[in-house]
C-alpha cells in the first residue's frame, strides 16, 4: 500500500522533468554506453560494461521511485488545515530536556527542494509521530536506533511559500 505525499507544484514539476529525462534521453544514453562497452570484447573483465550496467540499475530504481511518488502525490495547495500536524504543515517542536532549542520543519516529501525548511515525510519517525497532533501535545516516538524521543509540539501552521 502506498502513502500519498503532498508536493508543491514547483517540486512536482521538477520531479516530473527528472522522470521525463530519465525515461527518455537517460535510457537512450545508458543503452548506448552499454552497447559501446559490449563492443570492447570480453564482458567478464570489462569494467566499463559493468559500470554502465550498475548505472542502468540505479537509474531504473530512480525511475520506479519517481513513478510511484508522482502517481500518488497530492499537488498544489496544502490539505485543509484543521490545526493538526500533517502533510503540508509547518511544525515547531521542542525536544524533552532541551528547552532552548526549537526545531521547525515541513511535513512533506523529502524530494521537495522548493523550501529552505527541513522536510520530514509523514512516514518518517518524527513526521509520523506528530501527524494528527496539535500545538501543546507531547508525543513520544522511537528513533531509528530504537531509543525513545519525546517532543512537545509548540506550533502547527499551514505551509505557505
Protein backbone atom coordinates (compact mmCIF):
# COMPACT_ATOMS: atom_id res chain seq x y z
CA UNK A 1 0.00 0.00 0.00
CA UNK A 2 1.47 3.34 -1.00
CA UNK A 3 1.37 6.56 1.01
CA UNK A 4 0.10 9.78 -0.51
CA UNK A 5 2.64 12.59 -0.46
CA UNK A 6 1.96 16.30 -0.68
CA UNK A 7 4.16 18.26 -3.12
CA UNK A 8 4.27 21.88 -4.15
CA UNK A 9 3.62 22.45 -7.85
CA UNK A 10 7.27 23.52 -8.22
CA UNK A 11 8.55 20.27 -6.68
CA UNK A 12 6.15 18.20 -8.77
CA UNK A 13 7.28 19.91 -11.99
CA UNK A 14 10.97 19.42 -11.10
CA UNK A 15 10.48 15.71 -10.32
CA UNK A 16 8.31 15.21 -13.42
CA UNK A 17 11.09 16.78 -15.50
CA UNK A 18 13.65 14.43 -13.95
CA UNK A 19 11.45 11.42 -14.67
CA UNK A 20 10.83 12.51 -18.26
CA UNK A 21 14.59 12.92 -18.80
CA UNK A 22 15.40 9.53 -17.27
CA UNK A 23 12.75 7.67 -19.26
CA UNK A 24 13.66 9.46 -22.48
CA UNK A 25 17.22 10.50 -23.19
CA UNK A 26 18.56 8.92 -19.97
CA UNK A 27 17.62 5.41 -21.09
CA UNK A 28 18.99 6.02 -24.58
CA UNK A 29 22.30 7.33 -23.19
CA UNK A 30 22.79 4.36 -20.86
CA UNK A 31 21.85 1.87 -23.61
CA UNK A 32 24.48 3.48 -25.84
CA UNK A 33 27.11 3.21 -23.06
CA UNK A 34 26.29 -0.47 -22.54
CA UNK A 35 26.45 -1.19 -26.27
CA UNK A 36 29.78 0.64 -26.65
CA UNK A 37 31.25 -1.25 -23.70
CA UNK A 38 29.88 -4.55 -25.02
CA UNK A 39 31.71 -3.98 -28.31
CA UNK A 40 35.01 -3.77 -26.42
CA UNK A 41 35.02 -7.54 -26.05
CA UNK A 42 35.18 -9.92 -23.08
CA UNK A 43 32.35 -8.91 -20.72
CA UNK A 44 33.83 -10.76 -17.73
CA UNK A 45 36.68 -8.32 -17.36
CA UNK A 46 35.06 -5.27 -18.91
CA UNK A 47 34.87 -2.63 -16.18
CA UNK A 48 33.11 -0.12 -18.41
CA UNK A 49 30.35 -2.61 -19.19
CA UNK A 50 29.79 -3.50 -15.53
CA UNK A 51 29.81 0.17 -14.50
CA UNK A 52 27.25 1.00 -17.20
CA UNK A 53 25.02 -1.90 -16.12
CA UNK A 54 25.23 -0.73 -12.50
CA UNK A 55 24.37 2.82 -13.57
CA UNK A 56 21.40 1.42 -15.52
CA UNK A 57 20.17 -0.42 -12.42
CA UNK A 58 20.37 2.74 -10.32
CA UNK A 59 18.58 4.74 -12.99
CA UNK A 60 15.75 2.19 -13.28
CA UNK A 61 15.41 2.21 -9.49
CA UNK A 62 15.11 6.01 -9.51
CA UNK A 63 12.53 5.80 -12.31
CA UNK A 64 10.42 3.41 -10.21
CA UNK A 65 10.78 5.65 -7.15
CA UNK A 66 9.73 8.79 -9.06
CA UNK A 67 6.88 6.99 -10.83
CA UNK A 68 5.44 5.79 -7.51
CA UNK A 69 5.91 9.17 -5.82
CA UNK A 70 4.33 11.18 -8.64
CA UNK A 71 1.46 8.72 -9.15
CA UNK A 72 0.36 9.08 -5.52
CA UNK A 73 1.29 12.74 -4.98
CA UNK A 74 -1.19 15.38 -3.98
CA UNK A 75 -0.07 18.51 -5.79
CA UNK A 76 -0.72 22.17 -5.17
CA UNK A 77 -2.23 23.73 -2.12
CA UNK A 78 -1.70 22.06 1.22
CA UNK A 79 -4.57 19.93 2.51
CA UNK A 80 -7.31 21.66 4.52
CA UNK A 81 -5.80 22.85 7.80
CA UNK A 82 -7.57 21.76 10.98
CA UNK A 83 -4.89 22.75 13.48
CA UNK A 84 -3.27 19.31 13.46
CA UNK A 85 0.16 18.47 12.07
CA UNK A 86 0.16 16.58 8.78
CA UNK A 87 1.33 16.81 5.17
CA UNK A 88 1.56 20.42 4.12
CA UNK A 89 2.03 21.84 7.61
CA UNK A 90 4.98 23.54 9.25
CA UNK A 91 5.60 22.18 12.73
CA UNK A 92 7.70 23.56 15.56
CA UNK A 93 8.74 21.08 18.25
CA UNK A 94 10.84 21.23 21.39
CA UNK A 95 12.68 18.06 22.39
CA UNK A 96 12.33 16.93 26.00
CA UNK A 97 15.27 18.13 28.09
CA UNK A 98 16.22 20.85 25.60
CA UNK A 99 14.04 23.85 26.45
CA UNK A 100 16.15 26.33 24.46
CA UNK A 101 16.09 24.65 21.06
CA UNK A 102 13.03 24.62 18.81
CA UNK A 103 13.13 22.64 15.58
CA UNK A 104 10.93 23.87 12.73
CA UNK A 105 10.16 21.64 9.74
CA UNK A 106 7.69 20.96 6.94
CA UNK A 107 5.85 17.66 6.74
CA UNK A 108 6.00 16.77 3.06
CA UNK A 109 8.21 14.92 0.62
CA UNK A 110 11.97 14.77 1.15
CA UNK A 111 12.13 15.17 -2.64
CA UNK A 112 10.69 18.69 -2.33
CA UNK A 113 13.59 21.13 -2.53
CA UNK A 114 11.42 24.23 -3.02
CA UNK A 115 11.76 25.28 0.63
CA UNK A 116 14.64 26.19 2.89
CA UNK A 117 12.95 24.35 5.78
CA UNK A 118 13.97 20.86 6.76
CA UNK A 119 11.41 18.44 5.32
CA UNK A 120 10.24 15.26 7.05
CA UNK A 121 7.88 12.82 5.39
CA UNK A 122 4.75 11.73 7.22
CA UNK A 123 6.31 8.23 7.14
CA UNK A 124 9.48 9.30 8.98
CA UNK A 125 9.66 8.62 12.73
CA UNK A 126 9.26 12.29 13.74
CA UNK A 127 6.83 13.21 10.95
CA UNK A 128 4.66 10.19 11.68
CA UNK A 129 4.72 10.83 15.42
CA UNK A 130 3.46 14.42 15.21
CA UNK A 131 0.94 13.80 12.41
CA UNK A 132 -2.58 14.24 13.78
CA UNK A 133 -1.39 16.11 16.89
CA UNK A 134 -1.84 19.79 17.72
CA UNK A 135 0.16 22.52 19.45
CA UNK A 136 0.57 21.72 23.13
CA UNK A 137 0.57 17.93 22.62
CA UNK A 138 3.52 15.86 23.81
CA UNK A 139 4.47 12.86 21.68
CA UNK A 140 6.96 10.04 22.24
CA UNK A 141 8.30 8.05 19.31
CA UNK A 142 11.18 5.67 18.56
CA UNK A 143 14.32 6.92 16.85
CA UNK A 144 15.84 4.76 14.09
CA UNK A 145 18.25 3.32 16.70
CA UNK A 146 15.24 2.14 18.76
CA UNK A 147 15.64 4.69 21.55
CA UNK A 148 12.60 6.74 22.52
CA UNK A 149 12.44 10.51 22.00
CA UNK A 150 9.82 12.90 23.30
CA UNK A 151 8.80 16.21 21.73
CA UNK A 152 6.30 18.86 22.68
CA UNK A 153 4.56 20.46 19.70
CA UNK A 154 4.99 24.22 20.05
CA UNK A 155 3.16 25.35 16.91
CA UNK A 156 1.49 24.00 13.78
CA UNK A 157 0.61 26.14 10.78
CA UNK A 158 -0.24 25.55 7.14
CA UNK A 159 2.70 25.81 4.76
CA UNK A 160 2.85 28.85 2.54
CA UNK A 161 5.83 29.77 0.40
